[in-house]
C-alpha cells in the first residue's frame, strides 16, 4: 500500500484525534460533528473512513498501538514497577474505551475480531514486562498475563468514579508482588 500524501495523513490524524476526543466525552457523536471538530469536509471524512464502524475500529486500533508502545521500560525503573505502570495505563485504556467498545460491539454483532486482535497485541506487548518482573523475583510467578489482564479488565469496567476504583486497582496490583 503506497504511503499517504502528507496532507492526507494530516487530515486522517486530525479526524482520529477529533473522534478520539468526541468518543471519550461519551454520548452519541455524529460523523458531521467529528468532521467539524477536525476542520475537514465530510468528503474527507468519508474518504478516510467510509463508515462509522471503520472510524471506531481505527480509533480503537490507534489506542491499542499506543498502549503496546507504552510497554517500554523506562530507564532506572525496576521490572515490577514497569509492569505496574503499564497495567495502570492498561486500566485507563479500558476505562477510556468503554464507550467506543460498546458502540463497536453494537456495530460488529458477534464479529469481535477487532477485540481479539487488540487483546493479542496487548498480551504480546505486556508479556516481556511480566516475564522480566517474574524473573527478577518482584512479581508472583503463579499468574499468567491473561489472568492479570482479566483482573484489570474486571476492575476497569466498574462504573464508578476514579477515586473509588483506583484504590481497588492498586490493592489488586499490590497482590501481584511476591511477599
N, C-alpha and C. Protein backbone atom coordinates (compact mmCIF):
# COMPACT_ATOMS: atom_id res chain seq x y z
N UNK A 1 0.85 -1.17 0.00
CA UNK A 1 0.00 0.00 0.00
C UNK A 1 0.90 1.24 0.00
N UNK A 2 0.71 2.14 -0.95
CA UNK A 2 1.56 3.33 -1.02
C UNK A 2 1.32 4.25 0.17
N UNK A 3 2.36 5.00 0.51
CA UNK A 3 2.25 5.94 1.62
C UNK A 3 1.29 7.07 1.23
N UNK A 4 0.59 7.57 2.25
CA UNK A 4 -0.32 8.69 2.00
C UNK A 4 0.48 9.98 1.82
N UNK A 5 -0.10 10.89 1.05
CA UNK A 5 0.49 12.22 0.96
C UNK A 5 0.49 12.83 2.35
N UNK A 6 1.38 13.75 2.58
CA UNK A 6 1.50 14.37 3.90
C UNK A 6 0.20 15.05 4.33
N UNK A 7 -0.46 15.77 3.41
CA UNK A 7 -1.70 16.46 3.78
C UNK A 7 -2.82 15.45 4.05
N UNK A 8 -2.84 14.36 3.30
CA UNK A 8 -3.86 13.33 3.53
C UNK A 8 -3.64 12.66 4.88
N UNK A 9 -2.38 12.42 5.24
CA UNK A 9 -2.08 11.82 6.54
C UNK A 9 -2.44 12.79 7.67
N UNK A 10 -2.18 14.08 7.48
CA UNK A 10 -2.55 15.07 8.50
C UNK A 10 -4.07 15.08 8.70
N UNK A 11 -4.82 15.04 7.61
CA UNK A 11 -6.27 15.01 7.71
C UNK A 11 -6.75 13.76 8.45
N UNK A 12 -6.16 12.63 8.12
CA UNK A 12 -6.54 11.38 8.81
C UNK A 12 -6.23 11.50 10.30
N UNK A 13 -5.06 12.02 10.62
CA UNK A 13 -4.68 12.19 12.03
C UNK A 13 -5.62 13.15 12.76
N UNK A 14 -6.02 14.24 12.07
CA UNK A 14 -6.96 15.20 12.67
C UNK A 14 -8.31 14.54 12.92
N UNK A 15 -8.76 13.72 11.98
CA UNK A 15 -10.03 13.01 12.15
C UNK A 15 -9.96 12.03 13.32
N UNK A 16 -8.87 11.30 13.42
CA UNK A 16 -8.73 10.36 14.53
C UNK A 16 -8.68 11.08 15.87
N UNK A 17 -7.97 12.19 15.92
CA UNK A 17 -7.89 12.96 17.17
C UNK A 17 -9.26 13.51 17.55
N UNK A 18 -9.97 14.04 16.58
CA UNK A 18 -11.31 14.58 16.85
C UNK A 18 -12.26 13.47 17.30
N UNK A 19 -12.18 12.32 16.65
CA UNK A 19 -13.05 11.20 17.02
C UNK A 19 -12.69 10.68 18.41
N UNK A 20 -11.40 10.57 18.68
CA UNK A 20 -10.96 10.09 20.00
C UNK A 20 -11.50 11.00 21.10
N UNK A 21 -11.39 12.31 20.89
CA UNK A 21 -11.89 13.27 21.87
C UNK A 21 -13.41 13.19 22.01
N UNK A 22 -14.10 13.16 20.88
CA UNK A 22 -15.57 13.12 20.90
C UNK A 22 -16.07 11.85 21.57
N UNK A 23 -15.47 10.71 21.24
CA UNK A 23 -15.92 9.45 21.82
C UNK A 23 -15.60 9.37 23.31
N UNK A 24 -14.52 10.02 23.74
CA UNK A 24 -14.17 9.99 25.16
C UNK A 24 -15.14 10.81 26.00
N UNK A 25 -15.85 11.73 25.36
CA UNK A 25 -16.83 12.56 26.08
C UNK A 25 -18.13 11.82 26.33
N UNK A 26 -18.29 10.67 25.68
CA UNK A 26 -19.50 9.87 25.86
C UNK A 26 -20.66 10.40 25.04
N UNK A 27 -21.70 9.63 25.03
CA UNK A 27 -22.88 10.02 24.27
C UNK A 27 -22.70 9.78 22.79
N UNK A 28 -23.73 10.03 22.04
CA UNK A 28 -23.72 9.84 20.59
C UNK A 28 -23.06 11.04 19.92
N UNK A 29 -22.10 10.78 19.06
CA UNK A 29 -21.45 11.82 18.30
C UNK A 29 -21.62 11.51 16.83
N UNK A 30 -22.14 12.46 16.08
CA UNK A 30 -22.38 12.23 14.65
C UNK A 30 -21.07 12.34 13.86
N UNK A 31 -21.09 11.76 12.69
CA UNK A 31 -19.94 11.87 11.79
C UNK A 31 -19.75 13.33 11.39
N UNK A 32 -20.84 14.08 11.23
CA UNK A 32 -20.74 15.50 10.89
C UNK A 32 -20.02 16.27 11.99
N UNK A 33 -20.30 15.93 13.24
CA UNK A 33 -19.63 16.60 14.37
C UNK A 33 -18.14 16.29 14.37
N UNK A 34 -17.77 15.07 14.07
CA UNK A 34 -16.35 14.70 14.02
C UNK A 34 -15.66 15.46 12.89
N UNK A 35 -16.31 15.54 11.75
CA UNK A 35 -15.78 16.30 10.62
C UNK A 35 -15.56 17.76 11.00
N UNK A 36 -16.57 18.35 11.65
CA UNK A 36 -16.48 19.75 12.08
C UNK A 36 -15.32 19.94 13.05
N UNK A 37 -15.23 19.07 14.05
CA UNK A 37 -14.16 19.19 15.05
C UNK A 37 -12.77 19.06 14.42
N UNK A 38 -12.67 18.21 13.41
CA UNK A 38 -11.37 18.01 12.75
C UNK A 38 -11.04 19.13 11.79
N UNK A 39 -12.04 19.93 11.44
CA UNK A 39 -11.80 21.03 10.50
C UNK A 39 -11.63 20.55 9.06
N UNK A 40 -12.29 19.45 8.74
CA UNK A 40 -12.23 18.93 7.37
C UNK A 40 -13.65 18.71 6.87
N UNK A 41 -13.80 18.59 5.57
CA UNK A 41 -15.11 18.37 4.98
C UNK A 41 -15.58 16.92 5.15
N UNK A 42 -16.87 16.73 4.96
CA UNK A 42 -17.46 15.39 5.07
C UNK A 42 -16.85 14.44 4.04
N UNK A 43 -16.53 14.95 2.85
CA UNK A 43 -15.93 14.10 1.83
C UNK A 43 -14.59 13.55 2.30
N UNK A 44 -13.81 14.38 2.97
CA UNK A 44 -12.53 13.94 3.51
C UNK A 44 -12.74 12.87 4.58
N UNK A 45 -13.73 13.09 5.43
CA UNK A 45 -14.03 12.10 6.47
C UNK A 45 -14.38 10.75 5.83
N UNK A 46 -15.30 10.77 4.88
CA UNK A 46 -15.75 9.51 4.28
C UNK A 46 -14.71 8.89 3.34
N UNK A 47 -13.81 9.69 2.82
CA UNK A 47 -12.71 9.14 2.01
C UNK A 47 -11.77 8.33 2.91
N UNK A 48 -11.57 8.81 4.12
CA UNK A 48 -10.70 8.12 5.07
C UNK A 48 -11.42 6.98 5.80
N UNK A 49 -12.67 7.23 6.14
CA UNK A 49 -13.45 6.27 6.93
C UNK A 49 -14.85 6.17 6.33
N UNK A 50 -15.03 5.25 5.38
CA UNK A 50 -16.31 5.14 4.68
C UNK A 50 -17.51 4.86 5.58
N UNK A 51 -17.26 4.38 6.79
CA UNK A 51 -18.37 4.10 7.69
C UNK A 51 -17.97 4.45 9.13
N UNK A 52 -18.96 4.60 9.94
CA UNK A 52 -18.73 4.86 11.37
C UNK A 52 -17.94 3.71 11.99
N UNK A 53 -18.28 2.50 11.60
CA UNK A 53 -17.58 1.32 12.12
C UNK A 53 -16.07 1.41 11.83
N UNK A 54 -15.72 1.78 10.60
CA UNK A 54 -14.30 1.89 10.26
C UNK A 54 -13.59 2.97 11.08
N UNK A 55 -14.28 4.06 11.35
CA UNK A 55 -13.71 5.10 12.20
C UNK A 55 -13.51 4.59 13.62
N UNK A 56 -14.52 3.93 14.16
CA UNK A 56 -14.41 3.37 15.51
C UNK A 56 -13.27 2.35 15.60
N UNK A 57 -13.17 1.50 14.61
CA UNK A 57 -12.09 0.50 14.60
C UNK A 57 -10.73 1.17 14.54
N UNK A 58 -10.61 2.24 13.73
CA UNK A 58 -9.33 2.94 13.62
C UNK A 58 -8.95 3.62 14.93
N UNK A 59 -9.91 4.23 15.60
CA UNK A 59 -9.64 4.85 16.91
C UNK A 59 -9.18 3.78 17.89
N UNK A 60 -9.90 2.67 17.93
CA UNK A 60 -9.55 1.58 18.83
C UNK A 60 -8.15 1.03 18.52
N UNK A 61 -7.87 0.79 17.24
CA UNK A 61 -6.57 0.25 16.83
C UNK A 61 -5.44 1.21 17.18
N UNK A 62 -5.66 2.51 16.99
CA UNK A 62 -4.63 3.50 17.35
C UNK A 62 -4.34 3.48 18.85
N UNK A 63 -5.38 3.36 19.64
CA UNK A 63 -5.19 3.33 21.09
C UNK A 63 -4.50 2.05 21.53
N UNK A 64 -4.81 0.93 20.89
CA UNK A 64 -4.12 -0.33 21.20
C UNK A 64 -2.64 -0.18 20.86
N UNK A 65 -2.34 0.41 19.71
CA UNK A 65 -0.94 0.61 19.31
C UNK A 65 -0.20 1.50 20.32
N UNK A 66 -0.85 2.54 20.81
CA UNK A 66 -0.23 3.42 21.81
C UNK A 66 0.01 2.66 23.11
N UNK A 67 -0.94 1.84 23.50
CA UNK A 67 -0.79 1.03 24.71
C UNK A 67 0.39 0.07 24.55
N UNK A 68 0.49 -0.57 23.41
CA UNK A 68 1.58 -1.52 23.17
C UNK A 68 2.94 -0.82 23.17
N UNK A 69 3.01 0.34 22.56
CA UNK A 69 4.29 1.05 22.54
C UNK A 69 4.67 1.57 23.92
N UNK A 70 3.70 1.71 24.80
CA UNK A 70 3.98 2.17 26.16
C UNK A 70 4.58 1.08 27.02
N UNK A 71 4.73 -0.12 26.48
CA UNK A 71 5.29 -1.23 27.24
C UNK A 71 6.81 -1.16 27.34
N UNK A 72 7.38 -0.09 26.88
CA UNK A 72 8.83 0.10 27.00
C UNK A 72 9.18 0.40 28.46
N UNK A 73 10.27 -0.17 28.93
CA UNK A 73 10.69 0.05 30.31
C UNK A 73 11.47 1.36 30.39
N UNK A 74 11.05 2.22 31.30
CA UNK A 74 11.74 3.50 31.50
C UNK A 74 13.09 3.24 32.17
N UNK A 75 14.08 4.03 31.81
CA UNK A 75 15.41 3.89 32.39
C UNK A 75 15.33 4.03 33.91
N UNK A 76 15.98 3.13 34.61
CA UNK A 76 16.03 3.19 36.07
C UNK A 76 14.81 2.58 36.74
N UNK A 77 13.84 2.15 35.99
CA UNK A 77 12.62 1.57 36.54
C UNK A 77 12.83 0.07 36.73
N UNK A 78 12.42 -0.45 37.88
CA UNK A 78 12.53 -1.89 38.10
C UNK A 78 11.50 -2.61 37.22
N UNK A 79 11.71 -3.89 37.02
CA UNK A 79 10.80 -4.68 36.18
C UNK A 79 9.39 -4.67 36.78
N UNK A 80 9.30 -4.81 38.09
CA UNK A 80 7.99 -4.80 38.74
C UNK A 80 7.29 -3.46 38.61
N UNK A 81 8.05 -2.37 38.75
CA UNK A 81 7.47 -1.03 38.62
C UNK A 81 7.03 -0.77 37.18
N UNK A 82 7.80 -1.25 36.21
CA UNK A 82 7.44 -1.08 34.80
C UNK A 82 6.14 -1.83 34.50
N UNK A 83 6.02 -3.04 35.01
CA UNK A 83 4.80 -3.81 34.81
C UNK A 83 3.61 -3.09 35.42
N UNK A 84 3.77 -2.62 36.63
CA UNK A 84 2.68 -1.94 37.33
C UNK A 84 2.26 -0.67 36.58
N UNK A 85 3.21 0.13 36.16
CA UNK A 85 2.92 1.36 35.42
C UNK A 85 2.13 1.03 34.16
N UNK A 86 2.55 -0.01 33.47
CA UNK A 86 1.88 -0.39 32.24
C UNK A 86 0.47 -0.92 32.51
N UNK A 87 0.30 -1.69 33.57
CA UNK A 87 -1.03 -2.22 33.91
C UNK A 87 -1.99 -1.09 34.32
N UNK A 88 -1.48 -0.08 35.00
CA UNK A 88 -2.32 1.07 35.34
C UNK A 88 -2.74 1.79 34.05
N UNK A 89 -1.82 1.91 33.10
CA UNK A 89 -2.17 2.52 31.82
C UNK A 89 -3.18 1.65 31.08
N UNK A 90 -3.02 0.35 31.16
CA UNK A 90 -3.98 -0.57 30.54
C UNK A 90 -5.37 -0.37 31.15
N UNK A 91 -5.46 -0.23 32.45
CA UNK A 91 -6.75 0.00 33.11
C UNK A 91 -7.36 1.32 32.62
N UNK A 92 -6.54 2.35 32.47
CA UNK A 92 -7.04 3.64 31.97
C UNK A 92 -7.52 3.49 30.53
N UNK A 93 -6.81 2.70 29.74
CA UNK A 93 -7.22 2.43 28.35
C UNK A 93 -8.60 1.78 28.33
N UNK A 94 -8.80 0.76 29.16
CA UNK A 94 -10.09 0.06 29.21
C UNK A 94 -11.20 1.03 29.60
N UNK A 95 -10.94 1.82 30.62
CA UNK A 95 -11.95 2.78 31.09
C UNK A 95 -12.29 3.80 30.01
N UNK A 96 -11.27 4.33 29.35
CA UNK A 96 -11.49 5.35 28.33
C UNK A 96 -12.16 4.79 27.08
N UNK A 97 -11.97 3.52 26.81
CA UNK A 97 -12.52 2.92 25.59
C UNK A 97 -13.88 2.28 25.82
N UNK A 98 -14.44 2.42 27.00
CA UNK A 98 -15.72 1.78 27.30
C UNK A 98 -16.80 2.15 26.28
N UNK A 99 -16.95 3.44 25.98
CA UNK A 99 -17.99 3.87 25.03
C UNK A 99 -17.69 3.41 23.61
N UNK A 100 -16.42 3.50 23.20
CA UNK A 100 -16.05 3.05 21.86
C UNK A 100 -16.29 1.54 21.74
N UNK A 101 -15.87 0.79 22.75
CA UNK A 101 -16.05 -0.67 22.71
C UNK A 101 -17.53 -1.04 22.68
N UNK A 102 -18.33 -0.34 23.47
CA UNK A 102 -19.77 -0.63 23.48
C UNK A 102 -20.37 -0.38 22.11
N UNK A 103 -20.02 0.74 21.49
CA UNK A 103 -20.56 1.04 20.17
C UNK A 103 -20.03 0.06 19.13
N UNK A 104 -18.76 -0.31 19.23
CA UNK A 104 -18.21 -1.28 18.30
C UNK A 104 -18.94 -2.62 18.42
N UNK A 105 -19.19 -3.06 19.64
CA UNK A 105 -19.91 -4.31 19.83
C UNK A 105 -21.30 -4.25 19.21
N UNK A 106 -21.94 -3.09 19.33
CA UNK A 106 -23.26 -2.91 18.73
C UNK A 106 -23.16 -3.04 17.21
N UNK A 107 -22.13 -2.44 16.62
CA UNK A 107 -21.99 -2.46 15.17
C UNK A 107 -21.46 -3.78 14.65
N UNK A 108 -20.62 -4.45 15.44
CA UNK A 108 -20.00 -5.68 14.97
C UNK A 108 -20.87 -6.90 15.20
N UNK A 109 -21.75 -6.83 16.15
CA UNK A 109 -22.53 -8.01 16.50
C UNK A 109 -21.61 -9.07 17.07
N UNK A 110 -21.60 -10.22 16.47
CA UNK A 110 -20.78 -11.30 17.01
C UNK A 110 -19.36 -11.30 16.46
N UNK A 111 -19.05 -10.44 15.48
CA UNK A 111 -17.71 -10.38 14.91
C UNK A 111 -16.82 -9.52 15.80
N UNK A 112 -16.12 -10.17 16.70
CA UNK A 112 -15.30 -9.44 17.67
C UNK A 112 -13.81 -9.54 17.35
N UNK A 113 -13.44 -9.75 16.09
CA UNK A 113 -12.03 -9.93 15.75
C UNK A 113 -11.19 -8.72 16.12
N UNK A 114 -11.76 -7.52 16.04
CA UNK A 114 -11.00 -6.33 16.39
C UNK A 114 -10.57 -6.38 17.87
N UNK A 115 -11.44 -6.92 18.73
CA UNK A 115 -11.09 -7.03 20.14
C UNK A 115 -10.08 -8.14 20.37
N UNK A 116 -10.23 -9.24 19.66
CA UNK A 116 -9.27 -10.34 19.77
C UNK A 116 -7.89 -9.91 19.33
N UNK A 117 -7.83 -9.16 18.25
CA UNK A 117 -6.55 -8.67 17.75
C UNK A 117 -5.94 -7.68 18.74
N UNK A 118 -6.77 -6.82 19.33
CA UNK A 118 -6.27 -5.87 20.32
C UNK A 118 -5.75 -6.57 21.55
N UNK A 119 -6.48 -7.58 22.01
CA UNK A 119 -6.03 -8.34 23.19
C UNK A 119 -4.72 -9.07 22.88
N UNK A 120 -4.64 -9.69 21.71
CA UNK A 120 -3.41 -10.40 21.34
C UNK A 120 -2.22 -9.45 21.29
N UNK A 121 -2.43 -8.26 20.73
CA UNK A 121 -1.34 -7.27 20.66
C UNK A 121 -0.94 -6.81 22.06
N UNK A 122 -1.93 -6.57 22.92
CA UNK A 122 -1.63 -6.16 24.29
C UNK A 122 -0.88 -7.24 25.06
N UNK A 123 -1.30 -8.47 24.89
CA UNK A 123 -0.60 -9.58 25.56
C UNK A 123 0.83 -9.72 25.06
N UNK A 124 1.02 -9.58 23.76
CA UNK A 124 2.37 -9.67 23.20
C UNK A 124 3.27 -8.55 23.73
N UNK A 125 2.71 -7.35 23.88
CA UNK A 125 3.49 -6.22 24.38
C UNK A 125 3.79 -6.36 25.87
N UNK A 126 2.82 -6.86 26.64
CA UNK A 126 3.00 -6.95 28.09
C UNK A 126 3.75 -8.17 28.58
N UNK A 127 3.78 -9.23 27.77
CA UNK A 127 4.42 -10.47 28.21
C UNK A 127 5.89 -10.27 28.63
N UNK A 128 6.70 -9.54 27.86
CA UNK A 128 8.09 -9.34 28.31
C UNK A 128 8.18 -8.60 29.65
N UNK A 129 7.24 -7.69 29.91
CA UNK A 129 7.25 -6.98 31.19
C UNK A 129 6.98 -7.95 32.34
N UNK A 130 5.97 -8.82 32.16
CA UNK A 130 5.66 -9.79 33.22
C UNK A 130 6.80 -10.77 33.40
N UNK A 131 7.35 -11.27 32.31
CA UNK A 131 8.45 -12.24 32.41
C UNK A 131 9.65 -11.63 33.13
N UNK A 132 9.97 -10.38 32.83
CA UNK A 132 11.10 -9.72 33.49
C UNK A 132 10.81 -9.52 34.98
N UNK A 133 9.57 -9.13 35.30
CA UNK A 133 9.21 -8.92 36.71
C UNK A 133 9.22 -10.23 37.47
N UNK A 134 8.78 -11.30 36.83
CA UNK A 134 8.81 -12.61 37.49
C UNK A 134 10.24 -13.11 37.62
N UNK A 135 11.06 -12.93 36.60
CA UNK A 135 12.46 -13.37 36.64
C UNK A 135 13.25 -12.62 37.70
N UNK A 136 12.89 -11.35 37.95
CA UNK A 136 13.61 -10.56 38.96
C UNK A 136 13.17 -10.93 40.38
N UNK A 137 12.11 -11.71 40.48
CA UNK A 137 11.61 -12.11 41.79
C UNK A 137 10.69 -11.08 42.43
N UNK A 138 10.32 -10.04 41.70
CA UNK A 138 9.45 -8.99 42.25
C UNK A 138 7.97 -9.37 42.22
N UNK A 139 7.59 -10.18 41.24
CA UNK A 139 6.19 -10.48 40.99
C UNK A 139 5.97 -11.99 41.06
N UNK A 140 4.81 -12.36 41.61
CA UNK A 140 4.43 -13.78 41.72
C UNK A 140 4.55 -14.46 40.37
N UNK A 141 4.91 -15.74 40.39
CA UNK A 141 5.04 -16.46 39.14
C UNK A 141 3.92 -17.49 38.93
N UNK A 142 2.87 -17.41 39.75
CA UNK A 142 1.77 -18.35 39.62
C UNK A 142 0.58 -17.78 38.84
N UNK A 143 0.77 -16.62 38.23
CA UNK A 143 -0.29 -16.00 37.43
C UNK A 143 0.22 -15.78 36.01
N UNK A 144 -0.68 -15.96 35.07
CA UNK A 144 -0.34 -15.66 33.68
C UNK A 144 -0.75 -14.23 33.37
N UNK A 145 -0.24 -13.72 32.27
CA UNK A 145 -0.63 -12.37 31.86
C UNK A 145 -2.11 -12.34 31.50
N UNK A 146 -2.63 -13.42 30.96
CA UNK A 146 -4.06 -13.48 30.64
C UNK A 146 -4.90 -13.31 31.90
N UNK A 147 -4.49 -13.96 32.99
CA UNK A 147 -5.22 -13.82 34.25
C UNK A 147 -5.13 -12.39 34.78
N UNK A 148 -3.97 -11.81 34.67
CA UNK A 148 -3.78 -10.44 35.15
C UNK A 148 -4.60 -9.47 34.29
N UNK A 149 -4.60 -9.66 32.98
CA UNK A 149 -5.42 -8.84 32.08
C UNK A 149 -6.88 -8.92 32.49
N UNK A 150 -7.38 -10.14 32.70
CA UNK A 150 -8.79 -10.31 33.05
C UNK A 150 -9.12 -9.60 34.37
N UNK A 151 -8.19 -9.64 35.32
CA UNK A 151 -8.39 -8.95 36.60
C UNK A 151 -8.49 -7.44 36.37
N UNK A 152 -7.55 -6.90 35.60
CA UNK A 152 -7.54 -5.46 35.35
C UNK A 152 -8.79 -5.04 34.57
N UNK A 153 -9.17 -5.82 33.59
CA UNK A 153 -10.38 -5.51 32.81
C UNK A 153 -11.60 -5.50 33.73
N UNK A 154 -11.70 -6.49 34.60
CA UNK A 154 -12.85 -6.55 35.52
C UNK A 154 -12.92 -5.31 36.39
N UNK A 155 -11.78 -4.88 36.90
CA UNK A 155 -11.75 -3.70 37.77
C UNK A 155 -12.01 -2.42 36.97
N UNK A 156 -11.46 -2.34 35.77
CA UNK A 156 -11.60 -1.13 34.96
C UNK A 156 -13.02 -0.95 34.44
N UNK A 157 -13.80 -1.99 34.45
CA UNK A 157 -15.17 -1.87 33.95
C UNK A 157 -16.18 -1.55 35.05
N UNK A 158 -15.70 -1.35 36.26
CA UNK A 158 -16.59 -0.91 37.33
C UNK A 158 -17.05 0.51 37.00
N UNK A 159 -18.34 0.72 36.95
CA UNK A 159 -18.88 2.05 36.63
C UNK A 159 -18.94 2.88 37.91
N UNK A 160 -17.83 3.54 38.19
CA UNK A 160 -17.72 4.39 39.38
C UNK A 160 -16.61 5.40 39.13
N UNK A 161 -16.58 6.47 39.90
CA UNK A 161 -15.52 7.47 39.73
C UNK A 161 -14.14 6.87 40.03
N UNK A 162 -13.12 7.50 39.45
CA UNK A 162 -11.75 7.03 39.62
C UNK A 162 -11.34 6.95 41.08
N UNK A 163 -11.80 7.89 41.92
CA UNK A 163 -11.39 7.86 43.32
C UNK A 163 -11.97 6.65 44.06
N UNK A 164 -12.93 5.99 43.47
CA UNK A 164 -13.47 4.76 44.03
C UNK A 164 -12.71 3.54 43.48
N UNK A 165 -12.45 3.54 42.17
CA UNK A 165 -11.85 2.38 41.51
C UNK A 165 -10.33 2.31 41.70
N UNK A 166 -9.64 3.44 41.67
CA UNK A 166 -8.17 3.42 41.74
C UNK A 166 -7.62 2.69 42.97
N UNK A 167 -8.15 2.92 44.17
CA UNK A 167 -7.61 2.18 45.31
C UNK A 167 -7.82 0.66 45.19
N UNK A 168 -8.92 0.25 44.57
CA UNK A 168 -9.16 -1.17 44.37
C UNK A 168 -8.12 -1.72 43.40
N UNK A 169 -7.88 -1.01 42.30
CA UNK A 169 -6.90 -1.44 41.31
C UNK A 169 -5.52 -1.56 41.94
N UNK A 170 -5.11 -0.56 42.70
CA UNK A 170 -3.77 -0.58 43.29
C UNK A 170 -3.64 -1.69 44.34
N UNK A 171 -4.71 -1.98 45.06
CA UNK A 171 -4.69 -3.09 46.01
C UNK A 171 -4.51 -4.41 45.26
N UNK A 172 -5.24 -4.57 44.16
CA UNK A 172 -5.10 -5.78 43.36
C UNK A 172 -3.69 -5.91 42.79
N UNK A 173 -3.12 -4.81 42.30
CA UNK A 173 -1.76 -4.84 41.75
C UNK A 173 -0.75 -5.13 42.85
N UNK A 174 -0.98 -4.64 44.07
CA UNK A 174 -0.11 -4.99 45.19
C UNK A 174 -0.08 -6.49 45.42
N UNK A 175 -1.21 -7.16 45.12
CA UNK A 175 -1.29 -8.60 45.28
C UNK A 175 -0.43 -9.37 44.30
N UNK A 176 0.07 -8.71 43.26
CA UNK A 176 0.97 -9.38 42.32
C UNK A 176 2.38 -9.52 42.87
N UNK A 177 2.70 -8.67 43.86
CA UNK A 177 4.05 -8.67 44.39
C UNK A 177 4.33 -9.92 45.22
N UNK A 178 5.55 -10.40 45.14
CA UNK A 178 5.93 -11.53 45.99
C UNK A 178 6.08 -11.02 47.41
N UNK A 179 5.61 -11.82 48.37
CA UNK A 179 5.73 -11.38 49.78
C UNK A 179 7.18 -11.34 50.24
